[in-house]
């Protein structure tokens, strides 16, 4: 499976206070990530994908409850956001296999997840438009980070190890797929989430919804009932 091409030039120019707040918040997060992880892109992915998996679940939950209260259709938002959350979780499971997080990084994951969940839940209640714009900008930064990761691999500074089996199965990658192939499909996923969330924010604001980048096909993983028991 070949990853879809990604337009690296896509950027939503902040318009109004809400967009500027969202953009400034994401840039602050980017500064913290750059300071803490530097070029340890695999370890950065483990922590940041934990954060990235939160907004879709929060948005899906709150939209689900809103539609129940109002007895109205969700226009496909709930499934889209649930798919985003599941996709980001698979990114996390993949990079855990790649770089084996330390005990401290696992602690950071737990702490950051709870703080960000509570923050994003409150933000979505106050302004769902701002919340989706935050995710759009967050995914813009993710595309940039994974592009840098590709450069590290291509220039030999990061080992191009074999792709984890979970990634091969989820993205239907070839048997000889490598980490580079994984980063390509993950970057394409992030570009798709970037455009979807900017589109949601635009729709809420009554602005034109731009074209959405294609998402790589994913295999629907079936529950392992025996293991769960």
C-alpha atoms as a PDB file:
ATOM      1  CA  UNK A   1       0.000   0.000   0.000  1.00  0.00           C
ATOM      2  CA  UNK A   2       1.354   3.394  -1.053  1.00  0.00           C
ATOM      3  CA  UNK A   3       0.706   6.364   1.221  1.00  0.00           C
ATOM      4  CA  UNK A   4      -1.258   9.233  -0.363  1.00  0.00           C
ATOM      5  CA  UNK A   5       0.705  12.354  -1.257  1.00  0.00           C
ATOM      6  CA  UNK A   6       0.614  15.023   1.452  1.00  0.00           C
ATOM      7  CA  UNK A   7       0.397  18.757   0.742  1.00  0.00           C
ATOM      8  CA  UNK A   8       2.940  20.199   3.168  1.00  0.00           C
ATOM      9  CA  UNK A   9       1.926  23.794   2.424  1.00  0.00           C
ATOM     10  CA  UNK A  10      -1.555  23.603   3.975  1.00  0.00           C
ATOM     11  CA  UNK A  11      -1.982  26.104   6.798  1.00  0.00           C
ATOM     12  CA  UNK A  12      -5.087  27.825   8.107  1.00  0.00           C
ATOM     13  CA  UNK A  13      -4.232  31.473   8.688  1.00  0.00           C
ATOM     14  CA  UNK A  14      -5.639  32.526  12.084  1.00  0.00           C
ATOM     15  CA  UNK A  15      -8.701  34.735  11.733  1.00  0.00           C
ATOM     16  CA  UNK A  16     -10.045  36.379  14.846  1.00  0.00           C
ATOM     17  CA  UNK A  17      -9.302  35.922  18.543  1.00  0.00           C
ATOM     18  CA  UNK A  18     -10.448  32.279  18.718  1.00  0.00           C
ATOM     19  CA  UNK A  19      -8.043  31.182  15.973  1.00  0.00           C
ATOM     20  CA  UNK A  20      -5.156  33.172  17.434  1.00  0.00           C
ATOM     21  CA  UNK A  21      -5.689  31.608  20.867  1.00  0.00           C
ATOM     22  CA  UNK A  22      -5.790  28.123  19.326  1.00  0.00           C
ATOM     23  CA  UNK A  23      -2.676  28.771  17.247  1.00  0.00           C
ATOM     24  CA  UNK A  24      -0.744  30.264  20.152  1.00  0.00           C
ATOM     25  CA  UNK A  25      -1.651  27.345  22.413  1.00  0.00           C
ATOM     26  CA  UNK A  26      -0.456  24.779  19.859  1.00  0.00           C
ATOM     27  CA  UNK A  27       2.778  26.680  19.239  1.00  0.00           C
ATOM     28  CA  UNK A  28       3.423  26.649  22.995  1.00  0.00           C
ATOM     29  CA  UNK A  29       2.911  22.882  23.014  1.00  0.00           C
ATOM     30  CA  UNK A  30       5.286  22.596  20.052  1.00  0.00           C
ATOM     31  CA  UNK A  31       7.951  24.540  21.941  1.00  0.00           C
ATOM     32  CA  UNK A  32       7.615  22.219  24.946  1.00  0.00           C
ATOM     33  CA  UNK A  33       7.839  19.117  22.736  1.00  0.00           C
ATOM     34  CA  UNK A  34      10.904  20.451  20.898  1.00  0.00           C
ATOM     35  CA  UNK A  35      12.590  21.303  24.192  1.00  0.00           C
ATOM     36  CA  UNK A  36      11.849  17.991  25.883  1.00  0.00           C
ATOM     37  CA  UNK A  37      12.341  15.543  22.994  1.00  0.00           C
ATOM     38  CA  UNK A  38      14.643  17.389  20.544  1.00  0.00           C
ATOM     39  CA  UNK A  39      15.173  14.898  17.689  1.00  0.00           C
ATOM     40  CA  UNK A  40      13.960  11.810  19.549  1.00  0.00           C
ATOM     41  CA  UNK A  41      11.007  11.575  17.176  1.00  0.00           C
ATOM     42  CA  UNK A  42       9.927   8.071  18.137  1.00  0.00           C
ATOM     43  CA  UNK A  43       9.645   8.953  21.823  1.00  0.00           C
ATOM     44  CA  UNK A  44       7.978  12.258  20.912  1.00  0.00           C
ATOM     45  CA  UNK A  45       5.386  10.304  18.920  1.00  0.00           C
ATOM     46  CA  UNK A  46       4.540   8.063  21.886  1.00  0.00           C
ATOM     47  CA  UNK A  47       3.672  11.010  24.152  1.00  0.00           C
ATOM     48  CA  UNK A  48       2.046  13.231  21.536  1.00  0.00           C
ATOM     49  CA  UNK A  49      -0.088  10.464  20.021  1.00  0.00           C
ATOM     50  CA  UNK A  50      -1.495   9.877  23.502  1.00  0.00           C
ATOM     51  CA  UNK A  51      -2.616  13.514  23.486  1.00  0.00           C
ATOM     52  CA  UNK A  52      -3.782  13.333  19.866  1.00  0.00           C
ATOM     53  CA  UNK A  53      -6.121  10.431  20.652  1.00  0.00           C
ATOM     54  CA  UNK A  54      -8.074  12.499  23.191  1.00  0.00           C
ATOM     55  CA  UNK A  55      -9.907  15.152  21.058  1.00  0.00           C
ATOM     56  CA  UNK A  56     -11.713  12.696  18.790  1.00  0.00           C
ATOM     57  CA  UNK A  57     -13.166  10.793  21.734  1.00  0.00           C
ATOM     58  CA  UNK A  58     -14.162  13.988  23.549  1.00  0.00           C
ATOM     59  CA  UNK A  59     -15.752  15.479  20.436  1.00  0.00           C
ATOM     60  CA  UNK A  60     -17.605  12.257  19.613  1.00  0.00           C
ATOM     61  CA  UNK A  61     -18.929  11.925  23.166  1.00  0.00           C
ATOM     62  CA  UNK A  62     -20.182  15.500  23.430  1.00  0.00           C
ATOM     63  CA  UNK A  63     -21.711  15.464  19.941  1.00  0.00           C
ATOM     64  CA  UNK A  64     -23.399  12.144  20.713  1.00  0.00           C
ATOM     65  CA  UNK A  65     -24.962  13.561  23.877  1.00  0.00           C
ATOM     66  CA  UNK A  66     -25.981  16.776  22.112  1.00  0.00           C
ATOM     67  CA  UNK A  67     -27.717  14.841  19.348  1.00  0.00           C
ATOM     68  CA  UNK A  68     -29.566  12.724  21.920  1.00  0.00           C
ATOM     69  CA  UNK A  69     -30.743  15.826  23.780  1.00  0.00           C
ATOM     70  CA  UNK A  70     -31.831  17.628  20.638  1.00  0.00           C
ATOM     71  CA  UNK A  71     -33.049  14.460  18.883  1.00  0.00           C
ATOM     72  CA  UNK A  72     -31.219  15.439  15.716  1.00  0.00           C
ATOM     73  CA  UNK A  73     -28.846  13.869  13.185  1.00  0.00           C
ATOM     74  CA  UNK A  74     -25.104  14.204  13.740  1.00  0.00           C
ATOM     75  CA  UNK A  75     -24.264  14.681  10.008  1.00  0.00           C
ATOM     76  CA  UNK A  76     -21.594  12.000  10.288  1.00  0.00           C
ATOM     77  CA  UNK A  77     -19.492  13.860  12.862  1.00  0.00           C
ATOM     78  CA  UNK A  78     -19.609  11.176  15.578  1.00  0.00           C
ATOM     79  CA  UNK A  79     -18.222   8.318  13.471  1.00  0.00           C
ATOM     80  CA  UNK A  80     -15.603  10.609  11.922  1.00  0.00           C
ATOM     81  CA  UNK A  81     -14.365  11.682  15.365  1.00  0.00           C
ATOM     82  CA  UNK A  82     -14.442   8.136  16.742  1.00  0.00           C
ATOM     83  CA  UNK A  83     -12.430   6.934  13.746  1.00  0.00           C
ATOM     84  CA  UNK A  84      -9.923   9.727  14.405  1.00  0.00           C
ATOM     85  CA  UNK A  85      -9.531   8.675  18.042  1.00  0.00           C
ATOM     86  CA  UNK A  86      -9.044   5.021  17.078  1.00  0.00           C
ATOM     87  CA  UNK A  87      -6.571   5.938  14.352  1.00  0.00           C
ATOM     88  CA  UNK A  88      -4.477   8.045  16.718  1.00  0.00           C
ATOM     89  CA  UNK A  89      -4.498   5.223  19.256  1.00  0.00           C
ATOM     90  CA  UNK A  90      -3.110   2.889  16.586  1.00  0.00           C
ATOM     91  CA  UNK A  91      -0.338   5.420  15.953  1.00  0.00           C
ATOM     92  CA  UNK A  92       0.499   5.167  19.651  1.00  0.00           C
ATOM     93  CA  UNK A  93       0.470   1.359  19.665  1.00  0.00           C
ATOM     94  CA  UNK A  94       2.764   1.356  16.646  1.00  0.00           C
ATOM     95  CA  UNK A  95       5.375   3.719  18.064  1.00  0.00           C
ATOM     96  CA  UNK A  96       5.378   1.914  21.409  1.00  0.00           C
ATOM     97  CA  UNK A  97       6.699  -1.079  19.441  1.00  0.00           C
ATOM     98  CA  UNK A  98       9.284   1.101  17.688  1.00  0.00           C
ATOM     99  CA  UNK A  99      10.903   2.916  20.599  1.00  0.00           C
ATOM    100  CA  UNK A 100       9.896   1.251  23.893  1.00  0.00           C
ATOM    101  CA  UNK A 101       9.070   4.214  26.178  1.00  0.00           C
ATOM    102  CA  UNK A 102      10.912   4.570  29.469  1.00  0.00           C
ATOM    103  CA  UNK A 103       9.180   4.434  32.841  1.00  0.00           C
ATOM    104  CA  UNK A 104       9.420   8.222  33.097  1.00  0.00           C
ATOM    105  CA  UNK A 105       7.860   8.670  29.650  1.00  0.00           C
ATOM    106  CA  UNK A 106       5.007   6.359  30.658  1.00  0.00           C
ATOM    107  CA  UNK A 107       4.443   8.575  33.703  1.00  0.00           C
ATOM    108  CA  UNK A 108       4.442  11.658  31.452  1.00  0.00           C
ATOM    109  CA  UNK A 109       1.877   9.959  29.186  1.00  0.00           C
ATOM    110  CA  UNK A 110      -0.514   9.366  32.101  1.00  0.00           C
ATOM    111  CA  UNK A 111      -0.083  12.881  33.524  1.00  0.00           C
ATOM    112  CA  UNK A 112      -0.391  14.662  30.179  1.00  0.00           C
ATOM    113  CA  UNK A 113      -3.392  12.592  29.131  1.00  0.00           C
ATOM    114  CA  UNK A 114      -5.429  13.489  32.221  1.00  0.00           C
ATOM    115  CA  UNK A 115      -4.519  17.168  32.125  1.00  0.00           C
ATOM    116  CA  UNK A 116      -5.211  17.471  28.410  1.00  0.00           C
ATOM    117  CA  UNK A 117      -8.459  15.484  28.609  1.00  0.00           C
ATOM    118  CA  UNK A 118      -9.907  17.762  31.268  1.00  0.00           C
ATOM    119  CA  UNK A 119      -8.680  20.875  29.466  1.00  0.00           C
ATOM    120  CA  UNK A 120     -10.047  19.802  26.082  1.00  0.00           C
ATOM    121  CA  UNK A 121     -13.372  18.647  27.522  1.00  0.00           C
ATOM    122  CA  UNK A 122     -13.861  22.077  29.076  1.00  0.00           C
ATOM    123  CA  UNK A 123     -12.733  23.855  25.918  1.00  0.00           C
ATOM    124  CA  UNK A 124     -15.160  21.869  23.756  1.00  0.00           C
ATOM    125  CA  UNK A 125     -18.038  22.781  26.051  1.00  0.00           C
ATOM    126  CA  UNK A 126     -17.111  26.467  25.897  1.00  0.00           C
ATOM    127  CA  UNK A 127     -16.222  26.667  22.186  1.00  0.00           C
ATOM    128  CA  UNK A 128     -16.289  23.611  19.918  1.00  0.00           C
ATOM    129  CA  UNK A 129     -14.997  25.793  17.068  1.00  0.00           C
ATOM    130  CA  UNK A 130     -11.858  26.707  19.018  1.00  0.00           C
ATOM    131  CA  UNK A 131     -11.435  23.086  20.080  1.00  0.00           C
ATOM    132  CA  UNK A 132     -11.487  21.833  16.486  1.00  0.00           C
ATOM    133  CA  UNK A 133      -9.141  24.632  15.443  1.00  0.00           C
ATOM    134  CA  UNK A 134      -6.696  23.540  18.159  1.00  0.00           C
ATOM    135  CA  UNK A 135      -6.750  20.021  16.707  1.00  0.00           C
ATOM    136  CA  UNK A 136      -6.311  21.369  13.179  1.00  0.00           C
ATOM    137  CA  UNK A 137      -3.208  23.303  14.202  1.00  0.00           C
ATOM    138  CA  UNK A 138      -1.983  20.382  16.300  1.00  0.00           C
ATOM    139  CA  UNK A 139      -2.177  18.158  13.221  1.00  0.00           C
ATOM    140  CA  UNK A 140      -0.383  20.774  11.116  1.00  0.00           C
ATOM    141  CA  UNK A 141       2.506  20.486  13.571  1.00  0.00           C
ATOM    142  CA  UNK A 142       2.268  16.677  13.472  1.00  0.00           C
ATOM    143  CA  UNK A 143       2.690  16.723   9.684  1.00  0.00           C
ATOM    144  CA  UNK A 144       5.790  18.897  10.112  1.00  0.00           C
ATOM    145  CA  UNK A 145       7.207  16.614  12.831  1.00  0.00           C
ATOM    146  CA  UNK A 146       6.729  13.461  10.769  1.00  0.00           C
ATOM    147  CA  UNK A 147       8.298  15.189   7.761  1.00  0.00           C
ATOM    148  CA  UNK A 148      11.352  15.894   9.936  1.00  0.00           C
ATOM    149  CA  UNK A 149      11.283  12.271  11.103  1.00  0.00           C
ATOM    150  CA  UNK A 150      11.389  11.123   7.473  1.00  0.00           C
ATOM    151  CA  UNK A 151      14.418  13.333   6.884  1.00  0.00           C
ATOM    152  CA  UNK A 152      16.141  11.790   9.903  1.00  0.00           C
ATOM    153  CA  UNK A 153      15.520   8.316   8.479  1.00  0.00           C
ATOM    154  CA  UNK A 154      16.524   9.235   4.911  1.00  0.00           C
ATOM    155  CA  UNK A 155      19.750  10.862   6.090  1.00  0.00           C
ATOM    156  CA  UNK A 156      20.697   7.897   8.276  1.00  0.00           C
ATOM    157  CA  UNK A 157      20.356   9.556  11.684  1.00  0.00           C
ATOM    158  CA  UNK A 158      17.433   7.308  12.653  1.00  0.00           C
ATOM    159  CA  UNK A 159      17.501   3.588  11.915  1.00  0.00           C
ATOM    160  CA  UNK A 160      15.017   2.429   9.279  1.00  0.00           C
ATOM    161  CA  UNK A 161      13.983  -0.636  11.258  1.00  0.00           C
ATOM    162  CA  UNK A 162      11.360  -3.157  10.082  1.00  0.00           C
ATOM    163  CA  UNK A 163       7.780  -1.998  10.552  1.00  0.00           C
ATOM    164  CA  UNK A 164       5.991  -3.488  13.590  1.00  0.00           C
ATOM    165  CA  UNK A 165       3.526  -6.260  12.796  1.00  0.00           C
ATOM    166  CA  UNK A 166       0.626  -4.221  14.179  1.00  0.00           C
ATOM    167  CA  UNK A 167       1.389  -1.486  11.626  1.00  0.00           C
ATOM    168  CA  UNK A 168       1.647  -3.951   8.746  1.00  0.00           C
ATOM    169  CA  UNK A 169      -1.734  -5.375   9.637  1.00  0.00           C
ATOM    170  CA  UNK A 170      -3.504  -2.066  10.288  1.00  0.00           C
ATOM    171  CA  UNK A 171      -2.305  -0.271   7.141  1.00  0.00           C
ATOM    172  CA  UNK A 172      -1.999  -3.424   4.996  1.00  0.00           C
ATOM    173  CA  UNK A 173       1.707  -2.779   4.476  1.00  0.00           C
ATOM    174  CA  UNK A 174       3.937  -5.230   2.631  1.00  0.00           C
ATOM    175  CA  UNK A 175       5.835  -7.934   4.511  1.00  0.00           C
ATOM    176  CA  UNK A 176       9.122  -6.071   4.016  1.00  0.00           C
ATOM    177  CA  UNK A 177       7.752  -2.655   5.094  1.00  0.00           C
ATOM    178  CA  UNK A 178      10.029  -0.452   7.170  1.00  0.00           C
ATOM    179  CA  UNK A 179       9.699   2.388   9.647  1.00  0.00           C
ATOM    180  CA  UNK A 180       9.856   4.839   6.747  1.00  0.00           C
ATOM    181  CA  UNK A 181       6.698   3.290   5.257  1.00  0.00           C
ATOM    182  CA  UNK A 182       4.999   3.610   8.640  1.00  0.00           C
ATOM    183  CA  UNK A 183       5.913   7.280   9.015  1.00  0.00           C
ATOM    184  CA  UNK A 184       4.559   7.991   5.523  1.00  0.00           C
ATOM    185  CA  UNK A 185       1.121   6.530   6.272  1.00  0.00           C
ATOM    186  CA  UNK A 186       1.005   8.120   9.731  1.00  0.00           C
ATOM    187  CA  UNK A 187       1.819  11.516   8.208  1.00  0.00           C
ATOM    188  CA  UNK A 188      -0.965  11.024   5.658  1.00  0.00           C
ATOM    189  CA  UNK A 189      -3.368  10.190   8.509  1.00  0.00           C
ATOM    190  CA  UNK A 190      -2.383  13.393  10.289  1.00  0.00           C
ATOM    191  CA  UNK A 191      -2.903  15.460   7.139  1.00  0.00           C
ATOM    192  CA  UNK A 192      -6.405  13.997   6.869  1.00  0.00           C
ATOM    193  CA  UNK A 193      -7.198  14.827  10.517  1.00  0.00           C
ATOM    194  CA  UNK A 194      -5.767  18.326   9.982  1.00  0.00           C
ATOM    195  CA  UNK A 195      -8.176  19.062   7.152  1.00  0.00           C
ATOM    196  CA  UNK A 196     -11.173  17.395   8.814  1.00  0.00           C
ATOM    197  CA  UNK A 197     -10.824  19.447  11.995  1.00  0.00           C
ATOM    198  CA  UNK A 198     -10.196  22.729  10.199  1.00  0.00           C
ATOM    199  CA  UNK A 199     -13.272  21.827   8.140  1.00  0.00           C
ATOM    200  CA  UNK A 200     -15.360  21.267  11.269  1.00  0.00           C
ATOM    201  CA  UNK A 201     -14.183  24.597  12.708  1.00  0.00           C
ATOM    202  CA  UNK A 202     -15.008  26.348   9.424  1.00  0.00           C
ATOM    203  CA  UNK A 203     -18.465  24.753   9.316  1.00  0.00           C
ATOM    204  CA  UNK A 204     -19.238  25.910  12.853  1.00  0.00           C
ATOM    205  CA  UNK A 205     -18.060  29.424  11.947  1.00  0.00           C
ATOM    206  CA  UNK A 206     -20.047  29.461   8.710  1.00  0.00           C
ATOM    207  CA  UNK A 207     -16.888  29.541   6.556  1.00  0.00           C
ATOM    208  CA  UNK A 208     -16.237  27.536   3.369  1.00  0.00           C
ATOM    209  CA  UNK A 209     -15.031  23.983   4.010  1.00  0.00           C
ATOM    210  CA  UNK A 210     -11.864  23.236   2.050  1.00  0.00           C
ATOM    211  CA  UNK A 211     -10.834  19.976   0.421  1.00  0.00           C
ATOM    212  CA  UNK A 212      -9.803  17.133   2.732  1.00  0.00           C
ATOM    213  CA  UNK A 213      -6.596  15.159   2.198  1.00  0.00           C
ATOM    214  CA  UNK A 214      -7.195  11.438   1.533  1.00  0.00           C
ATOM    215  CA  UNK A 215      -6.776   9.024   4.417  1.00  0.00           C
ATOM    216  CA  UNK A 216      -4.795   5.790   3.930  1.00  0.00           C
ATOM    217  CA  UNK A 217      -7.054   2.710   4.089  1.00  0.00           C
ATOM    218  CA  UNK A 218      -7.085   0.923   7.422  1.00  0.00           C
ATOM    219  CA  UNK A 219      -7.970  -2.620   8.332  1.00  0.00           C
ATOM    220  CA  UNK A 220     -10.809  -2.885  10.830  1.00  0.00           C
ATOM    221  CA  UNK A 221      -9.284  -4.848  13.690  1.00  0.00           C
ATOM    222  CA  UNK A 222     -11.652  -7.438  15.162  1.00  0.00           C
ATOM    223  CA  UNK A 223     -12.004  -7.912  18.924  1.00  0.00           C
ATOM    224  CA  UNK A 224      -9.955 -10.701  20.444  1.00  0.00           C
ATOM    225  CA  UNK A 225     -12.675 -12.086  22.724  1.00  0.00           C
ATOM    226  CA  UNK A 226     -10.532 -14.931  23.994  1.00  0.00           C
ATOM    227  CA  UNK A 227      -7.759 -12.551  25.104  1.00  0.00           C
ATOM    228  CA  UNK A 228     -10.297 -10.180  26.664  1.00  0.00           C
ATOM    229  CA  UNK A 229     -11.765 -13.015  28.717  1.00  0.00           C
END
